[in-house]
């Protein structure tokens, strides 16, 4: 069911994900472990992510680093479909944090080199500067110890004219995919654990690990500090992608996002989708943030402007 021309998912890998990440996140999201495991391993998701990245740069034959390569599905699909010279970093662990070992098994099953996935963290990448054409990360930054350090490390290993894309939640928005709950804008690290415990009766321990300071303002402040190191062009913060998803793009209901898809269907039928999307963007509430930038060569001095559909 999960296998495509670009990635074969064997029964043993599915079972491992079902019993680790599936069991763990079923408890906090109340989404069935079978759906969670299937969505985490679905090669179609890797193709959708590539479609967004390829709006800003071509993947074909590029040297690519994925920070937080997870179960290795992106690495496999992108290697086979686009011929990337791919590497990933994923810390080793046990239980729901066992992605490194599972990914190496899945990569070997697909006849690729599992040593391309390195046991490391984004805060201290084991690569020389200016090493990659593309540095990519999705749904990882909110789980890191120091999100700004991860962005700085990604920028360090990015080549001039290379593109970096980080996809991560905006906690000034309305929905958390880990717990599959709607929420008001989050201010302060105490709020979200209290919120999921008080209103949904969920275990707040995992919520305490999430970097809920991530939002548009935080991103802009990090970029301002990063700009002191060298010049880059900000290609997007994801507002235009959010507008498309709200108004015209088919909605992929991965994991707990089924709830968002149901609400979006109602908003579209009422023809309130464009107004709701534009208001969210104006208020800095679009989600996810899709931070995409191009590192400029030292000789260039292009103004740093964020494209916006408004």
C-alpha atoms as a PDB file:
ATOM      1  CA  UNK A   1       0.000   0.000   0.000  1.00  0.00           C
ATOM      2  CA  UNK A   2       2.805   2.397   0.873  1.00  0.00           C
ATOM      3  CA  UNK A   3       5.264   1.386  -1.842  1.00  0.00           C
ATOM      4  CA  UNK A   4       5.735   3.398  -5.029  1.00  0.00           C
ATOM      5  CA  UNK A   5       8.219   3.338  -7.910  1.00  0.00           C
ATOM      6  CA  UNK A   6      10.513   5.507  -5.771  1.00  0.00           C
ATOM      7  CA  UNK A   7      10.275   3.841  -2.351  1.00  0.00           C
ATOM      8  CA  UNK A   8       9.447   0.334  -1.178  1.00  0.00           C
ATOM      9  CA  UNK A   9       8.225   0.018   2.425  1.00  0.00           C
ATOM     10  CA  UNK A  10       8.585  -3.500   3.833  1.00  0.00           C
ATOM     11  CA  UNK A  11       6.321  -5.032   6.471  1.00  0.00           C
ATOM     12  CA  UNK A  12       9.069  -5.084   9.120  1.00  0.00           C
ATOM     13  CA  UNK A  13       9.640  -1.339   8.825  1.00  0.00           C
ATOM     14  CA  UNK A  14       5.916  -0.614   9.006  1.00  0.00           C
ATOM     15  CA  UNK A  15       5.610  -2.805  12.107  1.00  0.00           C
ATOM     16  CA  UNK A  16       8.552  -1.051  13.777  1.00  0.00           C
ATOM     17  CA  UNK A  17       7.074   2.402  13.168  1.00  0.00           C
ATOM     18  CA  UNK A  18       3.640   1.221  14.275  1.00  0.00           C
ATOM     19  CA  UNK A  19       4.979  -0.038  17.623  1.00  0.00           C
ATOM     20  CA  UNK A  20       7.228   2.967  18.325  1.00  0.00           C
ATOM     21  CA  UNK A  21       6.124   6.311  16.937  1.00  0.00           C
ATOM     22  CA  UNK A  22       2.623   5.047  16.182  1.00  0.00           C
ATOM     23  CA  UNK A  23       2.007   3.925  19.759  1.00  0.00           C
ATOM     24  CA  UNK A  24       3.583   7.027  21.283  1.00  0.00           C
ATOM     25  CA  UNK A  25       1.718   9.624  19.225  1.00  0.00           C
ATOM     26  CA  UNK A  26      -1.572   7.743  19.314  1.00  0.00           C
ATOM     27  CA  UNK A  27      -1.556   8.337  23.068  1.00  0.00           C
ATOM     28  CA  UNK A  28      -1.203  12.108  22.794  1.00  0.00           C
ATOM     29  CA  UNK A  29      -3.038  12.801  19.514  1.00  0.00           C
ATOM     30  CA  UNK A  30      -5.801  10.141  19.724  1.00  0.00           C
ATOM     31  CA  UNK A  31      -5.126   9.378  16.054  1.00  0.00           C
ATOM     32  CA  UNK A  32      -4.984   5.646  15.296  1.00  0.00           C
ATOM     33  CA  UNK A  33      -1.465   4.247  15.312  1.00  0.00           C
ATOM     34  CA  UNK A  34      -2.103   2.561  11.949  1.00  0.00           C
ATOM     35  CA  UNK A  35      -2.826   5.916  10.293  1.00  0.00           C
ATOM     36  CA  UNK A  36       0.143   7.568  11.979  1.00  0.00           C
ATOM     37  CA  UNK A  37       2.572   4.866  10.823  1.00  0.00           C
ATOM     38  CA  UNK A  38       1.179   4.833   7.300  1.00  0.00           C
ATOM     39  CA  UNK A  39       1.380   8.626   6.990  1.00  0.00           C
ATOM     40  CA  UNK A  40       4.938   8.779   8.348  1.00  0.00           C
ATOM     41  CA  UNK A  41       6.061   6.227   5.748  1.00  0.00           C
ATOM     42  CA  UNK A  42       3.985   7.411   2.794  1.00  0.00           C
ATOM     43  CA  UNK A  43       6.293   8.213  -0.181  1.00  0.00           C
ATOM     44  CA  UNK A  44       3.651  10.592  -1.562  1.00  0.00           C
ATOM     45  CA  UNK A  45       4.421  12.966   1.293  1.00  0.00           C
ATOM     46  CA  UNK A  46       8.065  13.147   0.152  1.00  0.00           C
ATOM     47  CA  UNK A  47       6.901  14.051  -3.351  1.00  0.00           C
ATOM     48  CA  UNK A  48       4.622  16.798  -1.981  1.00  0.00           C
ATOM     49  CA  UNK A  49       7.516  18.229   0.022  1.00  0.00           C
ATOM     50  CA  UNK A  50       9.736  18.163  -3.058  1.00  0.00           C
ATOM     51  CA  UNK A  51       7.093  20.075  -5.021  1.00  0.00           C
ATOM     52  CA  UNK A  52       7.244  22.923  -2.499  1.00  0.00           C
ATOM     53  CA  UNK A  53      11.050  22.962  -2.431  1.00  0.00           C
ATOM     54  CA  UNK A  54      11.268  22.926  -6.214  1.00  0.00           C
ATOM     55  CA  UNK A  55       9.400  26.216  -6.416  1.00  0.00           C
ATOM     56  CA  UNK A  56      12.697  27.792  -5.367  1.00  0.00           C
ATOM     57  CA  UNK A  57      15.402  25.462  -6.676  1.00  0.00           C
ATOM     58  CA  UNK A  58      15.839  22.329  -8.760  1.00  0.00           C
ATOM     59  CA  UNK A  59      16.516  19.121  -6.847  1.00  0.00           C
ATOM     60  CA  UNK A  60      17.908  17.122  -9.739  1.00  0.00           C
ATOM     61  CA  UNK A  61      21.537  16.084  -9.262  1.00  0.00           C
ATOM     62  CA  UNK A  62      22.030  18.454  -6.321  1.00  0.00           C
ATOM     63  CA  UNK A  63      24.016  17.714  -3.174  1.00  0.00           C
ATOM     64  CA  UNK A  64      21.369  17.777  -0.455  1.00  0.00           C
ATOM     65  CA  UNK A  65      21.480  17.634   3.339  1.00  0.00           C
ATOM     66  CA  UNK A  66      18.305  16.865   5.271  1.00  0.00           C
ATOM     67  CA  UNK A  67      18.442  17.893   8.918  1.00  0.00           C
ATOM     68  CA  UNK A  68      16.242  15.500  10.838  1.00  0.00           C
ATOM     69  CA  UNK A  69      15.941  12.899   8.075  1.00  0.00           C
ATOM     70  CA  UNK A  70      13.498  10.883  10.151  1.00  0.00           C
ATOM     71  CA  UNK A  71      12.535   7.516   8.689  1.00  0.00           C
ATOM     72  CA  UNK A  72      14.534   8.183   5.517  1.00  0.00           C
ATOM     73  CA  UNK A  73      11.582   8.390   3.115  1.00  0.00           C
ATOM     74  CA  UNK A  74      12.609  11.778   1.688  1.00  0.00           C
ATOM     75  CA  UNK A  75      16.169  10.520   1.232  1.00  0.00           C
ATOM     76  CA  UNK A  76      14.991   7.442  -0.665  1.00  0.00           C
ATOM     77  CA  UNK A  77      12.394   9.161  -2.858  1.00  0.00           C
ATOM     78  CA  UNK A  78      14.590  12.137  -3.698  1.00  0.00           C
ATOM     79  CA  UNK A  79      17.591   9.903  -4.448  1.00  0.00           C
ATOM     80  CA  UNK A  80      15.572   7.761  -6.842  1.00  0.00           C
ATOM     81  CA  UNK A  81      13.340  10.414  -8.409  1.00  0.00           C
ATOM     82  CA  UNK A  82      15.796  13.305  -8.644  1.00  0.00           C
ATOM     83  CA  UNK A  83      19.201  11.648  -8.420  1.00  0.00           C
ATOM     84  CA  UNK A  84      20.315  13.777  -5.461  1.00  0.00           C
ATOM     85  CA  UNK A  85      23.673  13.265  -3.786  1.00  0.00           C
ATOM     86  CA  UNK A  86      21.910  13.014  -0.447  1.00  0.00           C
ATOM     87  CA  UNK A  87      22.934  12.984   3.196  1.00  0.00           C
ATOM     88  CA  UNK A  88      20.856  13.090   6.369  1.00  0.00           C
ATOM     89  CA  UNK A  89      21.447  13.702  10.045  1.00  0.00           C
ATOM     90  CA  UNK A  90      19.213  11.962  12.564  1.00  0.00           C
ATOM     91  CA  UNK A  91      20.169  11.331  16.202  1.00  0.00           C
ATOM     92  CA  UNK A  92      19.928   7.761  17.429  1.00  0.00           C
ATOM     93  CA  UNK A  93      17.569   6.777  20.201  1.00  0.00           C
ATOM     94  CA  UNK A  94      15.050   4.255  21.404  1.00  0.00           C
ATOM     95  CA  UNK A  95      11.266   4.049  21.483  1.00  0.00           C
ATOM     96  CA  UNK A  96       9.513   6.738  19.449  1.00  0.00           C
ATOM     97  CA  UNK A  97      12.923   8.339  18.925  1.00  0.00           C
ATOM     98  CA  UNK A  98      14.296   5.336  16.999  1.00  0.00           C
ATOM     99  CA  UNK A  99      14.172   6.910  13.525  1.00  0.00           C
ATOM    100  CA  UNK A 100      17.905   6.577  12.855  1.00  0.00           C
ATOM    101  CA  UNK A 101      17.926   2.773  13.097  1.00  0.00           C
ATOM    102  CA  UNK A 102      14.620   2.368  11.249  1.00  0.00           C
ATOM    103  CA  UNK A 103      15.713   4.688   8.449  1.00  0.00           C
ATOM    104  CA  UNK A 104      18.961   2.808   7.874  1.00  0.00           C
ATOM    105  CA  UNK A 105      17.059  -0.445   7.564  1.00  0.00           C
ATOM    106  CA  UNK A 106      14.558   1.070   5.131  1.00  0.00           C
ATOM    107  CA  UNK A 107      17.324   2.695   3.063  1.00  0.00           C
ATOM    108  CA  UNK A 108      19.183  -0.605   2.802  1.00  0.00           C
ATOM    109  CA  UNK A 109      15.916  -2.314   1.801  1.00  0.00           C
ATOM    110  CA  UNK A 110      15.727   0.182  -1.079  1.00  0.00           C
ATOM    111  CA  UNK A 111      19.298  -0.654  -2.160  1.00  0.00           C
ATOM    112  CA  UNK A 112      20.793   2.671  -1.120  1.00  0.00           C
ATOM    113  CA  UNK A 113      23.710   3.393   1.210  1.00  0.00           C
ATOM    114  CA  UNK A 114      22.519   3.610   4.854  1.00  0.00           C
ATOM    115  CA  UNK A 115      25.807   5.215   5.920  1.00  0.00           C
ATOM    116  CA  UNK A 116      24.544   8.431   4.300  1.00  0.00           C
ATOM    117  CA  UNK A 117      22.395   8.882   7.428  1.00  0.00           C
ATOM    118  CA  UNK A 118      24.642  10.179  10.198  1.00  0.00           C
ATOM    119  CA  UNK A 119      24.007  10.013  13.926  1.00  0.00           C
ATOM    120  CA  UNK A 120      24.213  13.714  14.738  1.00  0.00           C
ATOM    121  CA  UNK A 121      22.186  16.753  15.706  1.00  0.00           C
ATOM    122  CA  UNK A 122      21.463  19.920  13.797  1.00  0.00           C
ATOM    123  CA  UNK A 123      23.126  22.123  16.402  1.00  0.00           C
ATOM    124  CA  UNK A 124      26.568  20.723  15.484  1.00  0.00           C
ATOM    125  CA  UNK A 125      26.671  19.398  11.930  1.00  0.00           C
ATOM    126  CA  UNK A 126      29.657  17.152  11.083  1.00  0.00           C
ATOM    127  CA  UNK A 127      30.321  18.817   7.713  1.00  0.00           C
ATOM    128  CA  UNK A 128      32.650  21.500   6.424  1.00  0.00           C
ATOM    129  CA  UNK A 129      31.303  24.903   5.511  1.00  0.00           C
ATOM    130  CA  UNK A 130      29.914  25.504   1.992  1.00  0.00           C
ATOM    131  CA  UNK A 131      29.279  21.775   1.440  1.00  0.00           C
ATOM    132  CA  UNK A 132      25.703  21.533   0.125  1.00  0.00           C
ATOM    133  CA  UNK A 133      23.590  22.980  -2.670  1.00  0.00           C
ATOM    134  CA  UNK A 134      20.410  22.476  -0.630  1.00  0.00           C
ATOM    135  CA  UNK A 135      19.809  22.150   3.112  1.00  0.00           C
ATOM    136  CA  UNK A 136      16.311  21.007   3.989  1.00  0.00           C
ATOM    137  CA  UNK A 137      14.408  20.341   7.200  1.00  0.00           C
ATOM    138  CA  UNK A 138      10.717  19.723   7.880  1.00  0.00           C
ATOM    139  CA  UNK A 139       8.900  19.386  11.197  1.00  0.00           C
ATOM    140  CA  UNK A 140      12.161  19.178  13.129  1.00  0.00           C
ATOM    141  CA  UNK A 141      13.023  22.644  14.430  1.00  0.00           C
ATOM    142  CA  UNK A 142      10.355  22.552  17.155  1.00  0.00           C
ATOM    143  CA  UNK A 143      12.064  19.456  18.613  1.00  0.00           C
ATOM    144  CA  UNK A 144      15.607  20.828  18.803  1.00  0.00           C
ATOM    145  CA  UNK A 145      17.532  22.064  21.828  1.00  0.00           C
ATOM    146  CA  UNK A 146      18.550  25.344  20.175  1.00  0.00           C
ATOM    147  CA  UNK A 147      16.529  26.180  17.019  1.00  0.00           C
ATOM    148  CA  UNK A 148      18.590  29.251  16.157  1.00  0.00           C
ATOM    149  CA  UNK A 149      21.835  27.254  16.360  1.00  0.00           C
ATOM    150  CA  UNK A 150      20.356  24.714  13.940  1.00  0.00           C
ATOM    151  CA  UNK A 151      19.538  27.443  11.420  1.00  0.00           C
ATOM    152  CA  UNK A 152      23.014  28.934  11.785  1.00  0.00           C
ATOM    153  CA  UNK A 153      24.646  25.527  11.247  1.00  0.00           C
ATOM    154  CA  UNK A 154      22.490  24.905   8.184  1.00  0.00           C
ATOM    155  CA  UNK A 155      23.549  28.269   6.798  1.00  0.00           C
ATOM    156  CA  UNK A 156      27.214  27.518   7.523  1.00  0.00           C
ATOM    157  CA  UNK A 157      27.236  24.313   5.460  1.00  0.00           C
ATOM    158  CA  UNK A 158      25.214  25.862   2.615  1.00  0.00           C
ATOM    159  CA  UNK A 159      27.171  26.832  -0.503  1.00  0.00           C
ATOM    160  CA  UNK A 160      26.922  30.327  -2.001  1.00  0.00           C
ATOM    161  CA  UNK A 161      23.874  30.384  -4.304  1.00  0.00           C
ATOM    162  CA  UNK A 162      22.526  27.401  -2.356  1.00  0.00           C
ATOM    163  CA  UNK A 163      18.992  27.261  -1.002  1.00  0.00           C
ATOM    164  CA  UNK A 164      17.963  26.452   2.554  1.00  0.00           C
ATOM    165  CA  UNK A 165      14.381  25.538   3.469  1.00  0.00           C
ATOM    166  CA  UNK A 166      13.035  24.960   6.985  1.00  0.00           C
ATOM    167  CA  UNK A 167       9.398  23.993   7.484  1.00  0.00           C
ATOM    168  CA  UNK A 168       8.142  24.318  11.050  1.00  0.00           C
ATOM    169  CA  UNK A 169       4.988  25.175  13.032  1.00  0.00           C
ATOM    170  CA  UNK A 170       3.923  28.716  13.735  1.00  0.00           C
ATOM    171  CA  UNK A 171       2.720  28.722  17.335  1.00  0.00           C
ATOM    172  CA  UNK A 172       0.969  32.039  16.775  1.00  0.00           C
ATOM    173  CA  UNK A 173      -1.367  30.063  14.562  1.00  0.00           C
ATOM    174  CA  UNK A 174      -4.276  27.735  15.300  1.00  0.00           C
ATOM    175  CA  UNK A 175      -3.369  24.025  15.212  1.00  0.00           C
ATOM    176  CA  UNK A 176      -0.773  21.658  16.657  1.00  0.00           C
ATOM    177  CA  UNK A 177      -0.231  18.472  14.701  1.00  0.00           C
ATOM    178  CA  UNK A 178       1.464  16.540  17.519  1.00  0.00           C
ATOM    179  CA  UNK A 179      -1.599  16.630  19.769  1.00  0.00           C
ATOM    180  CA  UNK A 180      -4.043  17.187  16.878  1.00  0.00           C
ATOM    181  CA  UNK A 181      -5.735  20.069  18.685  1.00  0.00           C
ATOM    182  CA  UNK A 182      -6.760  23.596  17.766  1.00  0.00           C
ATOM    183  CA  UNK A 183      -5.273  26.268  19.996  1.00  0.00           C
ATOM    184  CA  UNK A 184      -5.120  30.060  20.379  1.00  0.00           C
ATOM    185  CA  UNK A 185      -1.806  31.829  19.754  1.00  0.00           C
ATOM    186  CA  UNK A 186       0.799  30.510  22.186  1.00  0.00           C
ATOM    187  CA  UNK A 187       2.704  33.059  24.283  1.00  0.00           C
ATOM    188  CA  UNK A 188       5.166  31.655  26.794  1.00  0.00           C
ATOM    189  CA  UNK A 189       6.476  28.115  27.180  1.00  0.00           C
ATOM    190  CA  UNK A 190       4.061  27.347  30.032  1.00  0.00           C
ATOM    191  CA  UNK A 191       0.871  27.902  28.070  1.00  0.00           C
ATOM    192  CA  UNK A 192       0.676  24.941  25.684  1.00  0.00           C
ATOM    193  CA  UNK A 193       1.355  22.189  28.288  1.00  0.00           C
ATOM    194  CA  UNK A 194      -1.281  23.777  30.543  1.00  0.00           C
ATOM    195  CA  UNK A 195      -3.698  24.076  27.608  1.00  0.00           C
ATOM    196  CA  UNK A 196      -3.541  20.443  26.433  1.00  0.00           C
ATOM    197  CA  UNK A 197      -3.856  19.167  30.010  1.00  0.00           C
ATOM    198  CA  UNK A 198      -6.672  21.505  31.063  1.00  0.00           C
ATOM    199  CA  UNK A 199      -8.875  21.443  27.963  1.00  0.00           C
ATOM    200  CA  UNK A 200      -8.119  18.026  26.451  1.00  0.00           C
ATOM    201  CA  UNK A 201      -6.894  15.912  29.360  1.00  0.00           C
ATOM    202  CA  UNK A 202      -3.694  14.999  27.507  1.00  0.00           C
ATOM    203  CA  UNK A 203      -0.293  14.267  29.038  1.00  0.00           C
ATOM    204  CA  UNK A 204       1.609  17.592  28.906  1.00  0.00           C
ATOM    205  CA  UNK A 205       5.100  16.033  29.161  1.00  0.00           C
ATOM    206  CA  UNK A 206       5.708  16.017  25.408  1.00  0.00           C
ATOM    207  CA  UNK A 207       4.257  19.524  25.065  1.00  0.00           C
ATOM    208  CA  UNK A 208       6.925  20.772  27.458  1.00  0.00           C
ATOM    209  CA  UNK A 209       9.614  19.655  24.983  1.00  0.00           C
ATOM    210  CA  UNK A 210       8.188  21.646  22.066  1.00  0.00           C
ATOM    211  CA  UNK A 211       9.806  24.971  21.120  1.00  0.00           C
ATOM    212  CA  UNK A 212       6.596  26.975  21.153  1.00  0.00           C
ATOM    213  CA  UNK A 213       8.488  30.245  20.737  1.00  0.00           C
ATOM    214  CA  UNK A 214       8.588  29.527  16.999  1.00  0.00           C
ATOM    215  CA  UNK A 215       6.538  32.079  15.081  1.00  0.00           C
ATOM    216  CA  UNK A 216       6.955  34.694  12.351  1.00  0.00           C
ATOM    217  CA  UNK A 217       8.408  37.305  14.714  1.00  0.00           C
ATOM    218  CA  UNK A 218      10.944  34.841  16.106  1.00  0.00           C
ATOM    219  CA  UNK A 219      11.947  33.893  12.559  1.00  0.00           C
ATOM    220  CA  UNK A 220      12.471  37.506  11.528  1.00  0.00           C
ATOM    221  CA  UNK A 221      14.620  38.202  14.587  1.00  0.00           C
ATOM    222  CA  UNK A 222      16.788  35.161  13.858  1.00  0.00           C
ATOM    223  CA  UNK A 223      17.194  36.288  10.243  1.00  0.00           C
ATOM    224  CA  UNK A 224      18.221  39.762  11.396  1.00  0.00           C
ATOM    225  CA  UNK A 225      20.997  38.255  13.504  1.00  0.00           C
ATOM    226  CA  UNK A 226      22.010  35.848  10.739  1.00  0.00           C
ATOM    227  CA  UNK A 227      22.309  38.726   8.280  1.00  0.00           C
ATOM    228  CA  UNK A 228      25.253  40.033  10.304  1.00  0.00           C
ATOM    229  CA  UNK A 229      27.257  36.992   9.142  1.00  0.00           C
ATOM    230  CA  UNK A 230      26.723  37.337   5.388  1.00  0.00           C
ATOM    231  CA  UNK A 231      24.169  38.323   2.783  1.00  0.00           C
ATOM    232  CA  UNK A 232      21.194  36.207   1.731  1.00  0.00           C
ATOM    233  CA  UNK A 233      17.900  36.653  -0.059  1.00  0.00           C
ATOM    234  CA  UNK A 234      14.737  35.557   1.740  1.00  0.00           C
ATOM    235  CA  UNK A 235      12.604  33.816  -0.866  1.00  0.00           C
ATOM    236  CA  UNK A 236       9.630  32.983   1.337  1.00  0.00           C
ATOM    237  CA  UNK A 237       8.253  32.604   4.842  1.00  0.00           C
ATOM    238  CA  UNK A 238       5.424  30.451   3.492  1.00  0.00           C
ATOM    239  CA  UNK A 239       2.581  32.981   3.324  1.00  0.00           C
ATOM    240  CA  UNK A 240       1.882  32.406  -0.363  1.00  0.00           C
ATOM    241  CA  UNK A 241       1.858  28.625   0.131  1.00  0.00           C
ATOM    242  CA  UNK A 242      -0.591  28.986   3.028  1.00  0.00           C
ATOM    243  CA  UNK A 243      -2.848  31.145   0.849  1.00  0.00           C
ATOM    244  CA  UNK A 244      -2.864  28.479  -1.868  1.00  0.00           C
ATOM    245  CA  UNK A 245      -3.560  25.677   0.594  1.00  0.00           C
ATOM    246  CA  UNK A 246      -6.465  27.590   2.071  1.00  0.00           C
ATOM    247  CA  UNK A 247      -8.054  28.525  -1.249  1.00  0.00           C
ATOM    248  CA  UNK A 248      -7.179  26.152  -4.072  1.00  0.00           C
ATOM    249  CA  UNK A 249      -4.557  23.501  -3.329  1.00  0.00           C
ATOM    250  CA  UNK A 250      -5.759  19.937  -2.591  1.00  0.00           C
ATOM    251  CA  UNK A 251      -5.413  19.300   1.141  1.00  0.00           C
ATOM    252  CA  UNK A 252      -3.401  16.283   2.309  1.00  0.00           C
ATOM    253  CA  UNK A 253      -4.819  15.099   5.647  1.00  0.00           C
ATOM    254  CA  UNK A 254      -1.673  13.608   7.152  1.00  0.00           C
ATOM    255  CA  UNK A 255      -2.058  12.303  10.711  1.00  0.00           C
ATOM    256  CA  UNK A 256      -4.144  14.703  12.826  1.00  0.00           C
ATOM    257  CA  UNK A 257      -4.557  17.208   9.996  1.00  0.00           C
ATOM    258  CA  UNK A 258      -7.837  15.477   9.109  1.00  0.00           C
ATOM    259  CA  UNK A 259      -9.475  17.920  11.539  1.00  0.00           C
ATOM    260  CA  UNK A 260      -8.020  20.884   9.669  1.00  0.00           C
ATOM    261  CA  UNK A 261      -9.189  19.428   6.356  1.00  0.00           C
ATOM    262  CA  UNK A 262     -12.744  19.130   7.688  1.00  0.00           C
ATOM    263  CA  UNK A 263     -12.752  22.739   8.919  1.00  0.00           C
ATOM    264  CA  UNK A 264     -11.205  23.965   5.680  1.00  0.00           C
ATOM    265  CA  UNK A 265     -13.953  22.241   3.703  1.00  0.00           C
ATOM    266  CA  UNK A 266     -16.575  24.191   5.657  1.00  0.00           C
ATOM    267  CA  UNK A 267     -14.705  27.486   5.191  1.00  0.00           C
ATOM    268  CA  UNK A 268     -14.417  26.884   1.441  1.00  0.00           C
ATOM    269  CA  UNK A 269     -18.114  26.046   1.103  1.00  0.00           C
ATOM    270  CA  UNK A 270     -18.949  29.313   2.879  1.00  0.00           C
ATOM    271  CA  UNK A 271     -16.533  31.116   0.519  1.00  0.00           C
ATOM    272  CA  UNK A 272     -14.639  32.566   3.444  1.00  0.00           C
ATOM    273  CA  UNK A 273     -11.337  30.916   2.579  1.00  0.00           C
ATOM    274  CA  UNK A 274      -9.607  33.889   0.939  1.00  0.00           C
ATOM    275  CA  UNK A 275     -10.638  36.335   3.652  1.00  0.00           C
ATOM    276  CA  UNK A 276      -9.640  33.953   6.447  1.00  0.00           C
ATOM    277  CA  UNK A 277      -6.276  33.231   4.821  1.00  0.00           C
ATOM    278  CA  UNK A 278      -5.434  36.896   4.258  1.00  0.00           C
ATOM    279  CA  UNK A 279      -6.385  37.846   7.804  1.00  0.00           C
ATOM    280  CA  UNK A 280      -4.200  35.044   9.181  1.00  0.00           C
ATOM    281  CA  UNK A 281      -1.269  36.209   7.063  1.00  0.00           C
ATOM    282  CA  UNK A 282      -1.676  39.858   8.098  1.00  0.00           C
ATOM    283  CA  UNK A 283      -1.710  38.771  11.765  1.00  0.00           C
ATOM    284  CA  UNK A 284       1.372  36.586  11.293  1.00  0.00           C
ATOM    285  CA  UNK A 285      -0.689  33.438  11.882  1.00  0.00           C
ATOM    286  CA  UNK A 286      -0.070  31.429   8.722  1.00  0.00           C
ATOM    287  CA  UNK A 287       1.217  27.921   9.280  1.00  0.00           C
ATOM    288  CA  UNK A 288       3.509  26.214   8.709  1.00  0.00           C
ATOM    289  CA  UNK A 289       6.347  28.673   8.344  1.00  0.00           C
ATOM    290  CA  UNK A 290       8.298  27.739   5.230  1.00  0.00           C
ATOM    291  CA  UNK A 291      11.550  29.656   5.684  1.00  0.00           C
ATOM    292  CA  UNK A 292      13.355  29.604   2.350  1.00  0.00           C
ATOM    293  CA  UNK A 293      16.484  31.613   1.612  1.00  0.00           C
ATOM    294  CA  UNK A 294      19.298  31.735  -0.901  1.00  0.00           C
ATOM    295  CA  UNK A 295      22.830  32.350   0.315  1.00  0.00           C
ATOM    296  CA  UNK A 296      24.409  35.079  -1.781  1.00  0.00           C
ATOM    297  CA  UNK A 297      28.009  35.014  -2.985  1.00  0.00           C
ATOM    298  CA  UNK A 298      30.183  37.670  -1.320  1.00  0.00           C
ATOM    299  CA  UNK A 299      30.135  39.779  -4.494  1.00  0.00           C
ATOM    300  CA  UNK A 300      26.324  40.169  -4.575  1.00  0.00           C
ATOM    301  CA  UNK A 301      24.341  42.741  -2.629  1.00  0.00           C
ATOM    302  CA  UNK A 302      20.728  41.974  -3.512  1.00  0.00           C
ATOM    303  CA  UNK A 303      18.168  43.596  -1.184  1.00  0.00           C
ATOM    304  CA  UNK A 304      16.609  41.164   1.289  1.00  0.00           C
ATOM    305  CA  UNK A 305      12.905  41.179   0.582  1.00  0.00           C
ATOM    306  CA  UNK A 306      10.299  38.636   1.600  1.00  0.00           C
ATOM    307  CA  UNK A 307       7.823  37.870  -1.180  1.00  0.00           C
ATOM    308  CA  UNK A 308       4.185  38.178  -0.098  1.00  0.00           C
ATOM    309  CA  UNK A 309       0.921  37.470  -1.902  1.00  0.00           C
ATOM    310  CA  UNK A 310      -0.845  40.313  -0.104  1.00  0.00           C
END
